[in-house]
PDB file of N, CA and C in Angstrom:
ATOM      1  N   MET A   1      30.446 -11.583   0.541  1.00  0.00           N
ATOM      2  CA  MET A   1      29.683 -12.421   0.694  1.00  0.00           C
ATOM      3  C   MET A   1      28.453 -11.557   0.861  1.00  0.00           C
ATOM      4  N   VAL A   2      27.564 -11.631   0.123  1.00  0.00           N
ATOM      5  CA  VAL A   2      26.590 -10.867  -0.226  1.00  0.00           C
ATOM      6  C   VAL A   2      25.801 -10.487   1.637  1.00  0.00           C
ATOM      7  N   SER A   3      25.608 -11.694   2.419  1.00  0.00           N
ATOM      8  CA  SER A   3      25.491 -11.281   3.541  1.00  0.00           C
ATOM      9  C   SER A   3      25.776 -10.322   4.265  1.00  0.00           C
ATOM     10  N   ASP A   4      27.556 -10.038   4.048  1.00  0.00           N
ATOM     11  CA  ASP A   4      28.035  -9.233   4.748  1.00  0.00           C
ATOM     12  C   ASP A   4      28.118  -7.840   3.941  1.00  0.00           C
ATOM     13  N   MET A   5      26.833  -7.372   3.214  1.00  0.00           N
ATOM     14  CA  MET A   5      27.259  -6.285   2.862  1.00  0.00           C
ATOM     15  C   MET A   5      26.573  -5.278   4.066  1.00  0.00           C
ATOM     16  N   ARG A   6      27.187  -4.251   3.774  1.00  0.00           N
ATOM     17  CA  ARG A   6      26.174  -3.063   4.629  1.00  0.00           C
ATOM     18  C   ARG A   6      25.638  -1.841   3.868  1.00  0.00           C
ATOM     19  N   THR A   7      24.512  -2.265   3.242  1.00  0.00           N
ATOM     20  CA  THR A   7      23.941  -1.567   2.407  1.00  0.00           C
ATOM     21  C   THR A   7      23.192  -0.656   2.701  1.00  0.00           C
ATOM     22  N   ALA A   8      22.941   0.731   2.431  1.00  0.00           N
ATOM     23  CA  ALA A   8      21.039   0.907   2.790  1.00  0.00           C
ATOM     24  C   ALA A   8      20.344   0.995   2.140  1.00  0.00           C
ATOM     25  N   CYS A   9      18.365   0.765   2.363  1.00  0.00           N
ATOM     26  CA  CYS A   9      18.431   0.474   1.534  1.00  0.00           C
ATOM     27  C   CYS A   9      17.576   1.913   0.877  1.00  0.00           C
ATOM     28  N   PRO A  10      17.181   2.371  -0.309  1.00  0.00           N
ATOM     29  CA  PRO A  10      16.884   3.109  -1.273  1.00  0.00           C
ATOM     30  C   PRO A  10      15.776   4.049  -0.077  1.00  0.00           C
ATOM     31  N   HIS A  11      15.809   3.489   1.152  1.00  0.00           N
ATOM     32  CA  HIS A  11      15.018   4.485   2.327  1.00  0.00           C
ATOM     33  C   HIS A  11      16.017   4.934   3.555  1.00  0.00           C
ATOM     34  N   GLY A  12      17.183   4.669   2.919  1.00  0.00           N
ATOM     35  CA  GLY A  12      18.258   4.472   3.879  1.00  0.00           C
ATOM     36  C   GLY A  12      18.276   4.082   5.023  1.00  0.00           C
ATOM     37  N   ASN A  13      17.636   2.724   5.465  1.00  0.00           N
ATOM     38  CA  ASN A  13      17.790   2.447   6.767  1.00  0.00           C
ATOM     39  C   ASN A  13      19.115   0.765   6.038  1.00  0.00           C
ATOM     40  N   VAL A  14      18.924   1.016   7.543  1.00  0.00           N
ATOM     41  CA  VAL A  14      20.590   0.014   6.879  1.00  0.00           C
ATOM     42  C   VAL A  14      20.313  -0.723   8.599  1.00  0.00           C
ATOM     43  N   GLY A  15      21.046  -2.253   7.940  1.00  0.00           N
ATOM     44  CA  GLY A  15      20.826  -3.355   8.904  1.00  0.00           C
ATOM     45  C   GLY A  15      19.544  -4.726   8.948  1.00  0.00           C
ATOM     46  N   PRO A  16      19.654  -5.826   9.280  1.00  0.00           N
ATOM     47  CA  PRO A  16      18.294  -6.525   9.377  1.00  0.00           C
ATOM     48  C   PRO A  16      16.759  -6.512   9.471  1.00  0.00           C
ATOM     49  N   PHE A  17      16.727  -5.121  10.007  1.00  0.00           N
ATOM     50  CA  PHE A  17      14.926  -4.724   9.959  1.00  0.00           C
ATOM     51  C   PHE A  17      14.741  -3.647   9.225  1.00  0.00           C
ATOM     52  N   ASN A  18      15.343  -3.527   8.025  1.00  0.00           N
ATOM     53  CA  ASN A  18      14.684  -2.815   6.143  1.00  0.00           C
ATOM     54  C   ASN A  18      13.270  -3.292   6.606  1.00  0.00           C
ATOM     55  N   GLU A  19      13.519  -4.533   6.604  1.00  0.00           N
ATOM     56  CA  GLU A  19      11.900  -5.101   6.420  1.00  0.00           C
ATOM     57  C   GLU A  19      10.284  -4.599   8.139  1.00  0.00           C
ATOM     58  N   ARG A  20      10.965  -4.655   8.669  1.00  0.00           N
ATOM     59  CA  ARG A  20      10.209  -3.810   9.439  1.00  0.00           C
ATOM     60  C   ARG A  20       9.873  -2.353   9.620  1.00  0.00           C
ATOM     61  N   ILE A  21      10.798  -2.350   8.655  1.00  0.00           N
ATOM     62  CA  ILE A  21      10.536  -0.779   9.289  1.00  0.00           C
ATOM     63  C   ILE A  21      10.462   0.162   7.818  1.00  0.00           C
ATOM     64  N   CYS A  22      10.243  -0.183   6.767  1.00  0.00           N
ATOM     65  CA  CYS A  22      10.130  -0.076   5.923  1.00  0.00           C
ATOM     66  C   CYS A  22       9.308  -0.951   4.284  1.00  0.00           C
ATOM     67  N   GLY A  23       9.749  -2.007   5.113  1.00  0.00           N
ATOM     68  CA  GLY A  23       9.226  -2.588   4.192  1.00  0.00           C
ATOM     69  C   GLY A  23      10.083  -3.578   3.179  1.00  0.00           C
ATOM     70  N   CYS A  24      11.105  -2.576   2.788  1.00  0.00           N
ATOM     71  CA  CYS A  24      12.467  -3.567   2.326  1.00  0.00           C
ATOM     72  C   CYS A  24      13.441  -4.580   2.011  1.00  0.00           C
ATOM     73  N   LYS A  25      13.246  -5.799   1.539  1.00  0.00           N
ATOM     74  CA  LYS A  25      14.180  -6.824   1.236  1.00  0.00           C
ATOM     75  C   LYS A  25      15.215  -6.823   0.425  1.00  0.00           C
ATOM     76  N   LEU A  26      16.221  -6.878   0.332  1.00  0.00           N
ATOM     77  CA  LEU A  26      17.044  -7.634  -1.053  1.00  0.00           C
ATOM     78  C   LEU A  26      17.392  -9.017  -0.880  1.00  0.00           C
ATOM     79  N   LEU A  27      17.123  -9.445  -2.200  1.00  0.00           N
ATOM     80  CA  LEU A  27      16.961 -10.191  -2.502  1.00  0.00           C
ATOM     81  C   LEU A  27      17.589 -11.165  -3.934  1.00  0.00           C
ATOM     82  N   VAL A  28      17.593 -12.505  -3.961  1.00  0.00           N
ATOM     83  CA  VAL A  28      18.232 -12.542  -4.558  1.00  0.00           C
ATOM     84  C   VAL A  28      16.496 -13.105  -6.065  1.00  0.00           C
ATOM     85  N   MET A  29      17.394 -12.234  -7.257  1.00  0.00           N
ATOM     86  CA  MET A  29      15.475 -12.272  -8.014  1.00  0.00           C
ATOM     87  C   MET A  29      15.513 -13.985  -8.809  1.00  0.00           C
ATOM     88  N   PRO A  30      14.417 -14.256  -8.754  1.00  0.00           N
ATOM     89  CA  PRO A  30      13.868 -15.596  -9.538  1.00  0.00           C
ATOM     90  C   PRO A  30      13.934 -15.949 -10.608  1.00  0.00           C
ATOM     91  N   TYR A  31      14.176 -16.698 -10.980  1.00  0.00           N
ATOM     92  CA  TYR A  31      13.821 -17.289 -12.445  1.00  0.00           C
ATOM     93  C   TYR A  31      12.349 -17.746 -12.917  1.00  0.00           C
ATOM     94  N   SER A  32      11.688 -16.154 -12.613  1.00  0.00           N
ATOM     95  CA  SER A  32      10.809 -15.604 -12.485  1.00  0.00           C
ATOM     96  C   SER A  32      10.406 -15.597 -14.406  1.00  0.00           C
ATOM     97  N   GLU A  33       9.375 -15.747 -15.116  1.00  0.00           N
ATOM     98  CA  GLU A  33       9.312 -14.819 -16.543  1.00  0.00           C
ATOM     99  C   GLU A  33       9.674 -13.666 -16.345  1.00  0.00           C
ATOM    100  N   VAL A  34       8.991 -12.892 -15.419  1.00  0.00           N
ATOM    101  CA  VAL A  34       8.928 -11.274 -15.659  1.00  0.00           C
ATOM    102  C   VAL A  34      10.592 -11.305 -15.028  1.00  0.00           C
ATOM    103  N   CYS A  35      11.408 -11.471 -14.632  1.00  0.00           N
ATOM    104  CA  CYS A  35      12.903 -11.777 -13.835  1.00  0.00           C
ATOM    105  C   CYS A  35      13.893 -12.347 -15.163  1.00  0.00           C
ATOM    106  N   VAL A  36      12.952 -13.237 -15.605  1.00  0.00           N
ATOM    107  CA  VAL A  36      14.162 -13.752 -17.271  1.00  0.00           C
ATOM    108  C   VAL A  36      14.055 -12.549 -18.466  1.00  0.00           C
ATOM    109  N   HIS A  37      13.013 -12.254 -18.402  1.00  0.00           N
ATOM    110  CA  HIS A  37      12.658 -11.390 -19.597  1.00  0.00           C
ATOM    111  C   HIS A  37      13.363  -9.799 -19.223  1.00  0.00           C
ATOM    112  N   MET A  38      12.956  -9.571 -18.207  1.00  0.00           N
ATOM    113  CA  MET A  38      14.417  -8.323 -17.212  1.00  0.00           C
ATOM    114  C   MET A  38      15.220  -8.025 -17.046  1.00  0.00           C
ATOM    115  N   GLN A  39      16.446  -9.279 -17.139  1.00  0.00           N
ATOM    116  CA  GLN A  39      17.396  -9.712 -17.361  1.00  0.00           C
ATOM    117  C   GLN A  39      18.093  -9.532 -16.110  1.00  0.00           C
ATOM    118  N   VAL A  40      17.061  -9.877 -15.399  1.00  0.00           N
ATOM    119  CA  VAL A  40      17.825  -9.881 -13.839  1.00  0.00           C
ATOM    120  C   VAL A  40      17.560 -11.164 -13.183  1.00  0.00           C
ATOM    121  N   ALA A  41      17.242 -11.891 -13.452  1.00  0.00           N
ATOM    122  CA  ALA A  41      17.362 -13.761 -12.445  1.00  0.00           C
ATOM    123  C   ALA A  41      18.502 -13.942 -12.096  1.00  0.00           C
ATOM    124  N   GLU A  42      18.890 -14.347 -10.756  1.00  0.00           N
ATOM    125  CA  GLU A  42      19.819 -14.372  -9.944  1.00  0.00           C
ATOM    126  C   GLU A  42      20.394 -13.111  -9.334  1.00  0.00           C
ATOM    127  N   LYS A  43      19.915 -12.106  -9.542  1.00  0.00           N
ATOM    128  CA  LYS A  43      20.692 -11.190  -9.382  1.00  0.00           C
ATOM    129  C   LYS A  43      20.343 -10.610  -8.276  1.00  0.00           C
ATOM    130  N   VAL A  44      21.272 -10.055  -7.118  1.00  0.00           N
ATOM    131  CA  VAL A  44      21.050  -9.128  -5.629  1.00  0.00           C
ATOM    132  C   VAL A  44      20.463  -8.253  -6.154  1.00  0.00           C
ATOM    133  N   MET A  45      18.937  -7.903  -5.508  1.00  0.00           N
ATOM    134  CA  MET A  45      18.633  -6.702  -5.338  1.00  0.00           C
ATOM    135  C   MET A  45      17.633  -6.119  -4.364  1.00  0.00           C
ATOM    136  N   TRP A  46      17.693  -5.102  -4.501  1.00  0.00           N
ATOM    137  CA  TRP A  46      15.807  -4.423  -3.431  1.00  0.00           C
ATOM    138  C   TRP A  46      15.186  -4.341  -3.905  1.00  0.00           C
ATOM    139  N   ALA A  47      13.762  -4.629  -2.765  1.00  0.00           N
ATOM    140  CA  ALA A  47      12.833  -4.462  -3.317  1.00  0.00           C
ATOM    141  C   ALA A  47      12.199  -4.108  -2.734  1.00  0.00           C
ATOM    142  N   SER A  48      10.762  -3.328  -2.831  1.00  0.00           N
ATOM    143  CA  SER A  48      10.195  -2.132  -2.029  1.00  0.00           C
ATOM    144  C   SER A  48       8.819  -2.256  -2.049  1.00  0.00           C
ATOM    145  N   PRO A  49       7.426  -2.478  -1.668  1.00  0.00           N
ATOM    146  CA  PRO A  49       6.387  -2.585  -1.551  1.00  0.00           C
ATOM    147  C   PRO A  49       6.003  -0.777  -1.926  1.00  0.00           C
ATOM    148  N   THR A  50       5.155  -1.056  -3.122  1.00  0.00           N
ATOM    149  CA  THR A  50       4.792   0.510  -3.227  1.00  0.00           C
ATOM    150  C   THR A  50       3.126  -0.145  -3.775  1.00  0.00           C
ATOM    151  N   LEU A  51       2.072   0.603  -3.896  1.00  0.00           N
ATOM    152  CA  LEU A  51       0.891   0.811  -4.177  1.00  0.00           C
ATOM    153  C   LEU A  51       0.859   1.495  -5.855  1.00  0.00           C
ATOM    154  N   TYR A  52       0.620   0.743  -6.601  1.00  0.00           N
ATOM    155  CA  TYR A  52       0.742   0.643  -7.963  1.00  0.00           C
ATOM    156  C   TYR A  52      -0.985   0.626  -8.810  1.00  0.00           C
ATOM    157  N   GLY A  53      -1.625   1.511  -9.610  1.00  0.00           N
ATOM    158  CA  GLY A  53      -2.218   1.265 -10.495  1.00  0.00           C
ATOM    159  C   GLY A  53      -3.440   2.712 -10.328  1.00  0.00           C
ATOM    160  N   LYS A  54      -3.897   2.560 -11.408  1.00  0.00           N
ATOM    161  CA  LYS A  54      -5.177   3.916 -11.604  1.00  0.00           C
ATOM    162  C   LYS A  54      -5.675   4.900 -10.078  1.00  0.00           C
ATOM    163  N   PHE A  55      -5.858   3.917  -9.311  1.00  0.00           N
ATOM    164  CA  PHE A  55      -6.493   4.389  -7.607  1.00  0.00           C
ATOM    165  C   PHE A  55      -5.671   3.293  -6.654  1.00  0.00           C
ATOM    166  N   LYS A  56      -3.928   3.556  -6.919  1.00  0.00           N
ATOM    167  CA  LYS A  56      -3.537   2.780  -6.033  1.00  0.00           C
ATOM    168  C   LYS A  56      -3.242   2.050  -4.929  1.00  0.00           C
ATOM    169  N   SER A  57      -4.378   1.010  -5.266  1.00  0.00           N
ATOM    170  CA  SER A  57      -4.559   0.070  -4.612  1.00  0.00           C
ATOM    171  C   SER A  57      -4.094  -1.692  -4.721  1.00  0.00           C
ATOM    172  N   THR A  58      -3.027  -2.105  -5.471  1.00  0.00           N
ATOM    173  CA  THR A  58      -2.140  -2.911  -6.009  1.00  0.00           C
ATOM    174  C   THR A  58      -1.304  -3.047  -5.574  1.00  0.00           C
ATOM    175  N   THR A  59      -0.975  -3.271  -4.482  1.00  0.00           N
ATOM    176  CA  THR A  59       0.352  -3.831  -3.823  1.00  0.00           C
ATOM    177  C   THR A  59       1.533  -4.612  -4.599  1.00  0.00           C
ATOM    178  N   MET A  60       2.356  -3.616  -5.479  1.00  0.00           N
ATOM    179  CA  MET A  60       3.641  -4.109  -5.950  1.00  0.00           C
ATOM    180  C   MET A  60       4.737  -4.194  -5.770  1.00  0.00           C
ATOM    181  N   VAL A  61       5.765  -4.518  -6.363  1.00  0.00           N
ATOM    182  CA  VAL A  61       6.956  -4.569  -5.990  1.00  0.00           C
ATOM    183  C   VAL A  61       8.212  -3.170  -7.131  1.00  0.00           C
ATOM    184  N   GLN A  62       8.468  -2.407  -6.059  1.00  0.00           N
ATOM    185  CA  GLN A  62       9.638  -1.752  -7.108  1.00  0.00           C
ATOM    186  C   GLN A  62      10.898  -2.256  -7.042  1.00  0.00           C
ATOM    187  N   LEU A  63      12.045  -2.817  -7.784  1.00  0.00           N
ATOM    188  CA  LEU A  63      13.080  -3.087  -8.155  1.00  0.00           C
ATOM    189  C   LEU A  63      14.124  -2.037  -7.905  1.00  0.00           C
ATOM    190  N   PHE A  64      14.932  -1.939  -7.157  1.00  0.00           N
ATOM    191  CA  PHE A  64      16.354  -1.014  -7.086  1.00  0.00           C
ATOM    192  C   PHE A  64      17.518  -2.235  -7.385  1.00  0.00           C
ATOM    193  N   THR A  65      18.338  -1.543  -8.616  1.00  0.00           N
ATOM    194  CA  THR A  65      19.801  -1.847  -7.901  1.00  0.00           C
ATOM    195  C   THR A  65      20.315  -1.797  -6.594  1.00  0.00           C
ATOM    196  N   LEU A  66      21.793  -2.412  -6.655  1.00  0.00           N
ATOM    197  CA  LEU A  66      22.218  -2.194  -4.637  1.00  0.00           C
ATOM    198  C   LEU A  66      22.871  -0.686  -5.303  1.00  0.00           C
ATOM    199  N   ASP A  67      22.960   0.423  -6.559  1.00  0.00           N
ATOM    200  CA  ASP A  67      23.213   1.777  -5.982  1.00  0.00           C
ATOM    201  C   ASP A  67      21.736   2.502  -5.627  1.00  0.00           C
ATOM    202  N   ASN A  68      20.607   1.755  -5.597  1.00  0.00           N
ATOM    203  CA  ASN A  68      19.539   2.376  -4.541  1.00  0.00           C
ATOM    204  C   ASN A  68      18.427   3.005  -6.420  1.00  0.00           C
ATOM    205  N   LYS A  69      19.016   2.333  -6.628  1.00  0.00           N
ATOM    206  CA  LYS A  69      18.484   3.023  -8.867  1.00  0.00           C
ATOM    207  C   LYS A  69      17.269   1.920  -8.990  1.00  0.00           C
ATOM    208  N   PRO A  70      15.874   3.142  -9.201  1.00  0.00           N
ATOM    209  CA  PRO A  70      14.843   1.761  -9.782  1.00  0.00           C
ATOM    210  C   PRO A  70      15.062   1.465 -10.986  1.00  0.00           C
ATOM    211  N   TYR A  71      14.348   0.141 -10.522  1.00  0.00           N
ATOM    212  CA  TYR A  71      14.975  -0.798 -12.312  1.00  0.00           C
ATOM    213  C   TYR A  71      13.434  -1.039 -12.672  1.00  0.00           C
ATOM    214  N   SER A  72      13.627  -0.238 -14.097  1.00  0.00           N
ATOM    215  CA  SER A  72      11.890  -0.570 -14.327  1.00  0.00           C
ATOM    216  C   SER A  72      11.297  -0.048 -13.832  1.00  0.00           C
ATOM    217  N   ILE A  73       9.745  -0.874 -14.151  1.00  0.00           N
ATOM    218  CA  ILE A  73       8.141  -0.055 -13.336  1.00  0.00           C
ATOM    219  C   ILE A  73       8.419  -1.745 -12.200  1.00  0.00           C
ATOM    220  N   PRO A  74       7.211  -0.827 -10.783  1.00  0.00           N
ATOM    221  CA  PRO A  74       6.716  -2.381 -10.504  1.00  0.00           C
ATOM    222  C   PRO A  74       6.527  -3.074 -11.207  1.00  0.00           C
ATOM    223  N   VAL A  75       7.260  -4.297 -10.393  1.00  0.00           N
ATOM    224  CA  VAL A  75       6.503  -6.228 -10.834  1.00  0.00           C
ATOM    225  C   VAL A  75       5.327  -6.561  -9.781  1.00  0.00           C
ATOM    226  N   THR A  76       5.152  -7.184  -9.875  1.00  0.00           N
ATOM    227  CA  THR A  76       4.288  -8.741  -8.789  1.00  0.00           C
ATOM    228  C   THR A  76       5.184  -8.815  -7.832  1.00  0.00           C
ATOM    229  N   ARG A  77       4.064  -9.089  -6.235  1.00  0.00           N
ATOM    230  CA  ARG A  77       5.429  -9.911  -5.108  1.00  0.00           C
ATOM    231  C   ARG A  77       6.193 -11.260  -5.615  1.00  0.00           C
ATOM    232  N   GLY A  78       4.963 -11.619  -5.830  1.00  0.00           N
ATOM    233  CA  GLY A  78       5.041 -13.357  -6.967  1.00  0.00           C
ATOM    234  C   GLY A  78       6.520 -13.169  -7.744  1.00  0.00           C
ATOM    235  N   GLU A  79       6.060 -13.099  -8.653  1.00  0.00           N
ATOM    236  CA  GLU A  79       7.303 -12.601  -9.888  1.00  0.00           C
ATOM    237  C   GLU A  79       8.430 -12.442  -9.568  1.00  0.00           C
ATOM    238  N   ALA A  80       8.667 -11.120  -7.748  1.00  0.00           N
ATOM    239  CA  ALA A  80      10.111 -10.655  -7.746  1.00  0.00           C
ATOM    240  C   ALA A  80      10.594 -11.685  -6.461  1.00  0.00           C
ATOM    241  N   GLY A  81       9.514 -12.245  -5.875  1.00  0.00           N
ATOM    242  CA  GLY A  81      10.455 -13.998  -4.729  1.00  0.00           C
ATOM    243  C   GLY A  81       9.722 -13.068  -4.094  1.00  0.00           C
ATOM    244  N   TYR A  82       8.930 -11.327  -3.353  1.00  0.00           N
ATOM    245  CA  TYR A  82       8.791 -11.169  -2.372  1.00  0.00           C
ATOM    246  C   TYR A  82       8.698 -11.595  -1.387  1.00  0.00           C
ATOM    247  N   GLU A  83       8.367 -13.053  -1.624  1.00  0.00           N
ATOM    248  CA  GLU A  83       7.926 -14.154  -0.070  1.00  0.00           C
ATOM    249  C   GLU A  83       8.572 -14.980   0.053  1.00  0.00           C
ATOM    250  N   GLY A  84       9.674 -14.420  -0.978  1.00  0.00           N
ATOM    251  CA  GLY A  84      10.836 -15.544  -0.435  1.00  0.00           C
ATOM    252  C   GLY A  84      11.781 -15.274   1.016  1.00  0.00           C
ATOM    253  N   ARG A  85      12.391 -15.901   0.419  1.00  0.00           N
ATOM    254  CA  ARG A  85      14.438 -15.929   1.955  1.00  0.00           C
ATOM    255  C   ARG A  85      14.791 -14.400   1.417  1.00  0.00           C
ATOM    256  N   PRO A  86      15.074 -13.703   2.370  1.00  0.00           N
ATOM    257  CA  PRO A  86      15.749 -12.939   1.726  1.00  0.00           C
ATOM    258  C   PRO A  86      17.046 -12.878   2.024  1.00  0.00           C
ATOM    259  N   VAL A  87      18.371 -12.098   1.648  1.00  0.00           N
ATOM    260  CA  VAL A  87      19.985 -11.862   1.395  1.00  0.00           C
ATOM    261  C   VAL A  87      19.892 -11.678   2.622  1.00  0.00           C
ATOM    262  N   LEU A  88      19.471 -10.734   3.517  1.00  0.00           N
ATOM    263  CA  LEU A  88      20.124 -10.453   4.908  1.00  0.00           C
ATOM    264  C   LEU A  88      18.600 -10.422   6.371  1.00  0.00           C
TER     265      LEU A  88
END
């Protein structure tokens, strides 16, 4: 079961406090337009907040696979469902 996973986030932190330490969340990707296009809807992925753009002023979310490999370019927090309920 996904809630029993003891996997480290992309920054090496383990456990339910990742969000407080580095901002990472383990999420089930929603059926947003971007997630459907990237073919990750309903998949479990790590989401890590990052600054993106020319002046590094836009807070985006970088998605990572469960193997901690970056997936695509950063997406908006809403498209990734970052504000939703995390898996862990």
